[in-house]
Amino acid sequence: MISTLIFVAALIIAVLVAISTKDSMFEGSGYNREFRFLWLLKPIGIFLLGTVLSMVQPFSIERIDAGHVGIKVKLTGNSRGVSNYEYKTGWVLYNTWTEDIYEFPTYQQHIEFEAQQVITKGGFPADIKPTFNYSLKPNAVGDMFVNLRLPIKDVEQGWLKNAIVGAVNDVANGWEVDSVFGHRQSFEAAIVAECNLRLSKWFSVSQMRSNIIPPEALQEAIVAKTKSVQQAEASIQQALAAEADGKRKVAIARADSAETIINASARAKAMELTQQKLTPLYVEFKKVEKWDGHTPNTVVGNGSGSFINLK
């Protein structure tokens, strides 16, 4: 930008000089007037000087955007950028021959790494393709630069990548392979905790997804184990159902038995009461109660052998 400004300024000054000295553009008068080429030397010289300065001048200006931290680093001296730096924000003017500007974002960044292989507990290999979000701590940018001396993109694909993959591998080494796929959420939470433990000096990691994929043979073993577990659970459910059905049948049988005993007891009680009521007088009463008052002669005779004692 500064080079452009110098070039434009030189061009404007050359034009102004040419306009202000236009009276000396010609010499002589009337038909004898001749163009003076020496008149061009001054404006052309100013323009060429401005062009050269715009090409070789060392200064540059850069704007540090919101959500970023800028570091102005000295490229000369004994430190050579290792410890001689300044935090910058907004518009920054610097000498490109002796200084450099590094801009680091402090907002959430999303990273996806290519597939890597890790070894789970027991020696089973598995492929992971980790994706995660990270943010750089603003007050730790200078310290990170002192130690790594790299722009953020190089840090992502170098130091940060190695730290993340190393954390994933170390956590995976402590997990059984079936536990990894049976409790993936807890597995990935353990990875995030380990990453933040290792990177907390400069970074904060979140939203980790391991995208772990077991080998084909292990997938078959997991499917077989899942089926066996499902079959065992089905057998348990069937046993519980059979037990419940047996209890139901026992309850029904007990109810039927109780009903039978109650009915039999009721009939026995009724018979007992009936026997108590069957006295000779009561029998005669029931006979009379049923008699219609007629006495056939052919049957009754003199009354001594009749069904009812007429006396």
Protein backbone atom coordinates (compact mmCIF):
# COMPACT_ATOMS: atom_id res chain seq x y z
CA MET A 1 0.00 0.00 0.00
CA ILE A 2 2.81 2.44 0.85
CA SER A 3 4.51 1.72 -2.48
CA THR A 4 1.30 2.53 -4.28
CA LEU A 5 0.95 5.77 -2.36
CA ILE A 6 4.53 6.80 -3.22
CA PHE A 7 3.96 6.01 -6.90
CA VAL A 8 0.72 8.01 -7.03
CA ALA A 9 2.28 10.91 -5.12
CA ALA A 10 5.28 11.03 -7.49
CA LEU A 11 2.96 11.03 -10.49
CA ILE A 12 0.86 13.89 -9.08
CA ILE A 13 3.97 15.96 -8.22
CA ALA A 14 5.40 15.42 -11.71
CA VAL A 15 2.15 16.61 -13.30
CA LEU A 16 2.00 19.66 -11.03
CA VAL A 17 5.61 20.56 -11.84
CA ALA A 18 4.90 20.23 -15.55
CA ILE A 19 1.85 22.47 -15.27
CA SER A 20 3.65 25.09 -13.19
CA THR A 21 6.54 25.29 -15.70
CA LYS A 22 4.53 25.11 -18.88
CA ASP A 23 5.54 28.67 -19.81
CA SER A 24 9.08 27.44 -20.34
CA MET A 25 7.94 24.57 -22.52
CA PHE A 26 8.85 26.57 -25.66
CA GLU A 27 11.59 29.03 -26.45
CA GLY A 28 11.47 31.87 -28.95
CA SER A 29 8.34 33.58 -30.18
CA GLY A 30 6.00 33.56 -33.13
CA TYR A 31 6.89 31.18 -35.89
CA ASN A 32 10.32 30.67 -34.37
CA ARG A 33 9.02 28.93 -31.19
CA GLU A 34 10.66 25.58 -30.52
CA PHE A 35 9.84 22.86 -28.00
CA ARG A 36 12.37 22.60 -25.19
CA PHE A 37 13.07 18.93 -24.38
CA LEU A 38 14.98 20.00 -21.29
CA TRP A 39 11.64 21.08 -19.85
CA LEU A 40 10.65 17.42 -19.56
CA LEU A 41 13.65 16.46 -17.48
CA LYS A 42 12.29 17.72 -14.18
CA PRO A 43 8.77 16.14 -14.25
CA ILE A 44 10.10 12.92 -15.78
CA GLY A 45 12.88 12.79 -13.20
CA ILE A 46 10.38 13.22 -10.35
CA PHE A 47 8.16 10.45 -11.80
CA LEU A 48 11.08 8.02 -12.25
CA LEU A 49 12.38 8.75 -8.77
CA GLY A 50 8.94 8.07 -7.29
CA THR A 51 8.68 4.83 -9.26
CA VAL A 52 12.07 3.62 -8.03
CA LEU A 53 11.26 4.56 -4.45
CA SER A 54 7.91 2.74 -4.61
CA MET A 55 9.74 -0.38 -5.76
CA VAL A 56 12.60 -0.39 -3.27
CA GLN A 57 11.13 1.27 -0.17
CA PRO A 58 11.01 -1.20 2.76
CA PHE A 59 7.95 0.00 4.62
CA SER A 60 4.59 -1.71 4.59
CA ILE A 61 1.31 -1.29 6.43
CA GLU A 62 -1.00 -4.08 7.54
CA ARG A 63 -4.26 -4.19 9.46
CA ILE A 64 -4.74 -6.69 12.29
CA ASP A 65 -8.39 -7.76 12.04
CA ALA A 66 -10.77 -8.17 14.97
CA GLY A 67 -10.51 -11.59 16.58
CA HIS A 68 -6.77 -11.73 15.85
CA VAL A 69 -3.58 -10.95 17.71
CA GLY A 70 -0.66 -9.47 15.79
CA ILE A 71 3.01 -9.86 16.71
CA LYS A 72 5.64 -7.48 15.36
CA VAL A 73 8.94 -9.38 15.32
CA LYS A 74 12.47 -7.98 14.99
CA LEU A 75 14.52 -9.80 12.34
CA THR A 76 17.86 -8.29 13.31
CA GLY A 77 20.01 -8.36 16.41
CA ASN A 78 21.05 -11.21 18.67
CA SER A 79 17.50 -12.37 19.42
CA ARG A 80 16.45 -12.52 15.76
CA GLY A 81 12.77 -12.77 16.56
CA VAL A 82 13.06 -15.32 19.32
CA SER A 83 12.14 -13.00 22.17
CA ASN A 84 12.04 -9.48 20.69
CA TYR A 85 8.39 -9.07 19.73
CA GLU A 86 5.50 -6.66 20.33
CA TYR A 87 1.74 -7.20 20.41
CA LYS A 88 -0.04 -5.10 17.77
CA THR A 89 -3.67 -4.37 16.85
CA GLY A 90 -5.31 -2.26 14.15
CA TRP A 91 -3.12 -0.66 11.47
CA VAL A 92 0.57 -1.49 11.85
CA LEU A 93 3.46 0.19 10.00
CA TYR A 94 6.66 -1.84 9.84
CA ASN A 95 9.95 -2.11 7.99
CA THR A 96 9.95 -5.30 5.91
CA TRP A 97 13.76 -5.37 5.87
CA THR A 98 14.13 -5.53 9.65
CA GLU A 99 10.67 -6.54 10.94
CA ASP A 100 7.86 -8.95 10.20
CA ILE A 101 4.21 -9.24 11.23
CA TYR A 102 2.54 -12.50 12.27
CA GLU A 103 -1.24 -12.62 12.68
CA PHE A 104 -2.85 -15.29 14.87
CA PRO A 105 -6.64 -15.89 15.10
CA THR A 106 -8.05 -16.18 18.62
CA TYR A 107 -11.56 -17.35 17.66
CA GLN A 108 -12.66 -20.99 17.19
CA GLN A 109 -10.90 -22.82 14.36
CA HIS A 110 -12.08 -26.14 12.88
CA ILE A 111 -9.42 -28.69 11.92
CA GLU A 112 -9.71 -32.03 10.11
CA PHE A 113 -6.66 -34.29 9.96
CA GLU A 114 -6.12 -37.15 7.56
CA ALA A 115 -6.59 -40.76 8.67
CA GLN A 116 -4.14 -42.07 11.29
CA GLN A 117 -3.76 -45.51 12.86
CA VAL A 118 -3.85 -46.03 16.62
CA ILE A 119 -3.43 -49.15 18.74
CA THR A 120 -6.07 -49.95 21.34
CA LYS A 121 -5.51 -51.93 24.53
CA GLY A 122 -4.75 -55.52 23.61
CA GLY A 123 -2.96 -54.64 20.37
CA PHE A 124 -5.95 -54.10 18.09
CA PRO A 125 -5.26 -51.43 15.42
CA ALA A 126 -7.92 -48.93 14.42
CA ASP A 127 -8.07 -45.99 12.02
CA ILE A 128 -9.01 -42.52 13.21
CA LYS A 129 -9.64 -39.29 11.32
CA PRO A 130 -9.82 -36.72 14.11
CA THR A 131 -11.76 -33.49 13.72
CA PHE A 132 -11.93 -30.83 16.42
CA ASN A 133 -12.23 -27.16 17.24
CA TYR A 134 -9.46 -25.22 18.90
CA SER A 135 -8.86 -21.65 19.99
CA LEU A 136 -5.55 -19.94 20.69
CA LYS A 137 -5.30 -18.16 24.02
CA PRO A 138 -4.64 -14.46 23.27
CA ASN A 139 -2.20 -13.94 26.16
CA ALA A 140 -0.18 -17.01 25.15
CA VAL A 141 0.49 -16.07 21.51
CA GLY A 142 3.87 -14.49 22.23
CA ASP A 143 5.08 -17.42 24.32
CA MET A 144 3.99 -19.87 21.62
CA PHE A 145 5.84 -17.89 18.97
CA VAL A 146 8.98 -17.73 21.09
CA ASN A 147 8.96 -21.52 21.36
CA LEU A 148 7.81 -22.50 17.87
CA ARG A 149 8.60 -19.46 15.66
CA LEU A 150 6.00 -20.55 13.10
CA PRO A 151 2.80 -19.04 11.63
CA ILE A 152 -0.44 -20.60 12.81
CA LYS A 153 -1.02 -22.78 9.71
CA ASP A 154 2.39 -24.39 10.12
CA VAL A 155 1.67 -24.91 13.81
CA GLU A 156 -1.64 -26.62 12.94
CA GLN A 157 -0.05 -29.12 10.57
CA GLY A 158 3.04 -29.67 12.70
CA TRP A 159 3.18 -29.29 16.45
CA LEU A 160 -0.58 -29.23 17.07
CA LYS A 161 -1.23 -32.25 14.84
CA ASN A 162 1.44 -34.31 16.58
CA ALA A 163 0.09 -33.38 20.00
CA ILE A 164 -3.51 -34.27 19.07
CA VAL A 165 -2.63 -37.59 17.43
CA GLY A 166 -0.33 -38.46 20.32
CA ALA A 167 -3.10 -37.77 22.85
CA VAL A 168 -5.57 -39.90 20.88
CA ASN A 169 -3.08 -42.76 20.65
CA ASP A 170 -2.22 -42.67 24.35
CA VAL A 171 -5.88 -42.64 25.37
CA ALA A 172 -6.71 -45.47 22.94
CA ASN A 173 -3.92 -47.59 24.45
CA GLY A 174 -5.83 -47.63 27.73
CA TRP A 175 -9.21 -48.67 26.30
CA GLU A 176 -10.42 -52.12 25.30
CA VAL A 177 -11.50 -52.11 21.70
CA ASP A 178 -15.09 -53.10 22.44
CA SER A 179 -15.30 -50.39 25.11
CA VAL A 180 -14.16 -47.81 22.56
CA PHE A 181 -17.08 -48.58 20.27
CA GLY A 182 -19.52 -49.31 23.07
CA HIS A 183 -18.80 -46.07 24.93
CA ARG A 184 -17.56 -43.76 22.18
CA GLN A 185 -18.83 -40.61 23.88
CA SER A 186 -16.82 -41.32 27.02
CA PHE A 187 -13.82 -42.31 24.90
CA GLU A 188 -13.86 -38.99 23.02
CA ALA A 189 -14.43 -37.04 26.24
CA ALA A 190 -11.29 -38.69 27.62
CA ILE A 191 -9.39 -37.61 24.50
CA VAL A 192 -10.57 -33.99 24.89
CA ALA A 193 -9.47 -34.00 28.54
CA GLU A 194 -6.04 -35.36 27.59
CA CYS A 195 -5.65 -32.85 24.74
CA ASN A 196 -6.51 -29.91 26.99
CA LEU A 197 -4.08 -31.23 29.59
CA ARG A 198 -1.26 -31.25 27.03
CA LEU A 199 -2.20 -28.09 25.12
CA SER A 200 -3.64 -25.89 27.88
CA LYS A 201 -0.53 -23.68 27.88
CA TRP A 202 -1.43 -22.24 24.44
CA PHE A 203 -4.65 -23.84 23.16
CA SER A 204 -8.15 -24.85 24.20
CA VAL A 205 -9.64 -27.91 22.42
CA SER A 206 -13.34 -28.79 22.10
CA GLN A 207 -15.83 -30.65 19.88
CA MET A 208 -13.47 -33.58 19.34
CA ARG A 209 -14.64 -36.37 17.03
CA SER A 210 -12.28 -39.30 16.62
CA ASN A 211 -14.22 -40.87 13.72
CA ILE A 212 -12.59 -44.15 14.74
CA ILE A 213 -13.10 -47.10 12.40
CA PRO A 214 -12.28 -50.67 13.48
CA PRO A 215 -10.60 -53.12 11.05
CA GLU A 216 -12.88 -55.46 9.13
CA ALA A 217 -12.06 -58.53 11.25
CA LEU A 218 -12.79 -56.57 14.41
CA GLN A 219 -16.06 -55.29 12.98
CA GLU A 220 -17.14 -58.90 12.41
CA ALA A 221 -16.16 -59.80 15.98
CA ILE A 222 -18.11 -56.85 17.32
CA VAL A 223 -21.16 -57.83 15.27
CA ALA A 224 -20.90 -61.44 16.51
CA LYS A 225 -20.56 -60.29 20.12
CA THR A 226 -23.51 -57.95 19.71
CA LYS A 227 -25.62 -60.80 18.34
CA SER A 228 -24.64 -63.10 21.22
CA VAL A 229 -25.49 -60.41 23.74
CA GLN A 230 -28.83 -59.86 22.04
CA GLN A 231 -29.54 -63.59 22.03
CA ALA A 232 -28.62 -63.85 25.73
CA GLU A 233 -30.91 -60.95 26.54
CA ALA A 234 -33.67 -62.57 24.47
CA SER A 235 -33.22 -65.84 26.41
CA ILE A 236 -33.42 -63.96 29.70
CA GLN A 237 -36.60 -62.25 28.56
CA GLN A 238 -38.09 -65.58 27.47
CA ALA A 239 -37.22 -67.11 30.86
CA LEU A 240 -38.81 -64.19 32.66
CA ALA A 241 -41.89 -64.50 30.46
CA ALA A 242 -42.14 -68.25 31.15
CA GLU A 243 -41.72 -67.62 34.89
CA ALA A 244 -44.43 -64.98 34.81
CA ASP A 245 -46.73 -67.31 32.83
CA GLY A 246 -46.14 -70.12 35.37
CA LYS A 247 -46.98 -67.78 38.24
CA ARG A 248 -50.11 -66.75 36.38
CA LYS A 249 -51.18 -70.38 35.92
CA VAL A 250 -50.46 -71.17 39.60
CA ALA A 251 -52.55 -68.19 40.62
CA ILE A 252 -55.40 -69.34 38.34
CA ALA A 253 -55.18 -72.90 39.74
CA ARG A 254 -55.23 -71.60 43.29
CA ALA A 255 -58.22 -69.46 42.51
CA ASP A 256 -60.07 -72.45 40.93
CA SER A 257 -59.15 -74.66 43.90
CA ALA A 258 -60.32 -72.06 46.36
CA GLU A 259 -63.59 -71.70 44.45
CA THR A 260 -64.11 -75.48 44.46
CA ILE A 261 -63.40 -75.69 48.19
CA ILE A 262 -65.76 -72.84 48.91
CA ASN A 263 -68.54 -74.40 46.79
CA ALA A 264 -68.05 -77.83 48.38
CA SER A 265 -68.05 -76.30 51.85
CA ALA A 266 -71.23 -74.43 51.01
CA ARG A 267 -72.94 -77.59 49.77
CA ALA A 268 -71.83 -79.53 52.85
CA LYS A 269 -73.16 -76.79 55.10
CA ALA A 270 -76.43 -76.79 53.20
CA MET A 271 -76.78 -80.56 53.56
CA GLU A 272 -76.03 -80.28 57.29
CA LEU A 273 -78.69 -77.64 57.71
CA THR A 274 -81.12 -79.70 55.65
CA GLN A 275 -80.53 -82.78 57.81
CA GLN A 276 -81.12 -80.73 60.92
CA LYS A 277 -84.47 -79.60 59.56
CA LEU A 278 -85.73 -83.12 58.54
CA THR A 279 -87.64 -84.00 61.72
CA PRO A 280 -90.74 -86.34 61.48
CA LEU A 281 -93.09 -83.44 62.12
CA TYR A 282 -91.41 -81.34 59.41
CA VAL A 283 -91.74 -84.25 56.96
CA GLU A 284 -95.43 -84.55 57.67
CA PHE A 285 -95.79 -80.81 57.22
CA LYS A 286 -94.15 -80.95 53.80
CA LYS A 287 -96.52 -83.83 52.80
CA VAL A 288 -99.57 -81.87 53.80
CA GLU A 289 -98.21 -78.80 52.09
CA LYS A 290 -98.01 -80.69 48.82
CA TRP A 291 -101.43 -82.52 49.20
CA ASP A 292 -104.38 -81.24 47.16
CA GLY A 293 -107.07 -82.53 49.59
CA HIS A 294 -108.37 -85.49 47.51
CA THR A 295 -108.35 -89.09 48.80
CA PRO A 296 -108.80 -91.72 46.05
CA ASN A 297 -110.71 -94.71 47.54
CA THR A 298 -108.84 -97.22 45.48
CA VAL A 299 -105.65 -96.12 47.06
CA VAL A 300 -106.49 -94.84 50.50
CA GLY A 301 -108.92 -97.54 51.70
CA ASN A 302 -109.81 -97.11 55.34
CA GLY A 303 -107.03 -94.58 55.72
CA SER A 304 -104.64 -96.81 57.61
CA GLY A 305 -102.19 -97.29 54.69
CA SER A 306 -102.34 -93.84 53.17
CA PHE A 307 -99.24 -91.72 52.36
CA ILE A 308 -100.57 -89.09 54.78
CA ASN A 309 -101.60 -89.94 58.28
CA LEU A 310 -105.17 -88.66 58.19
CA LYS A 311 -105.46 -88.97 61.92
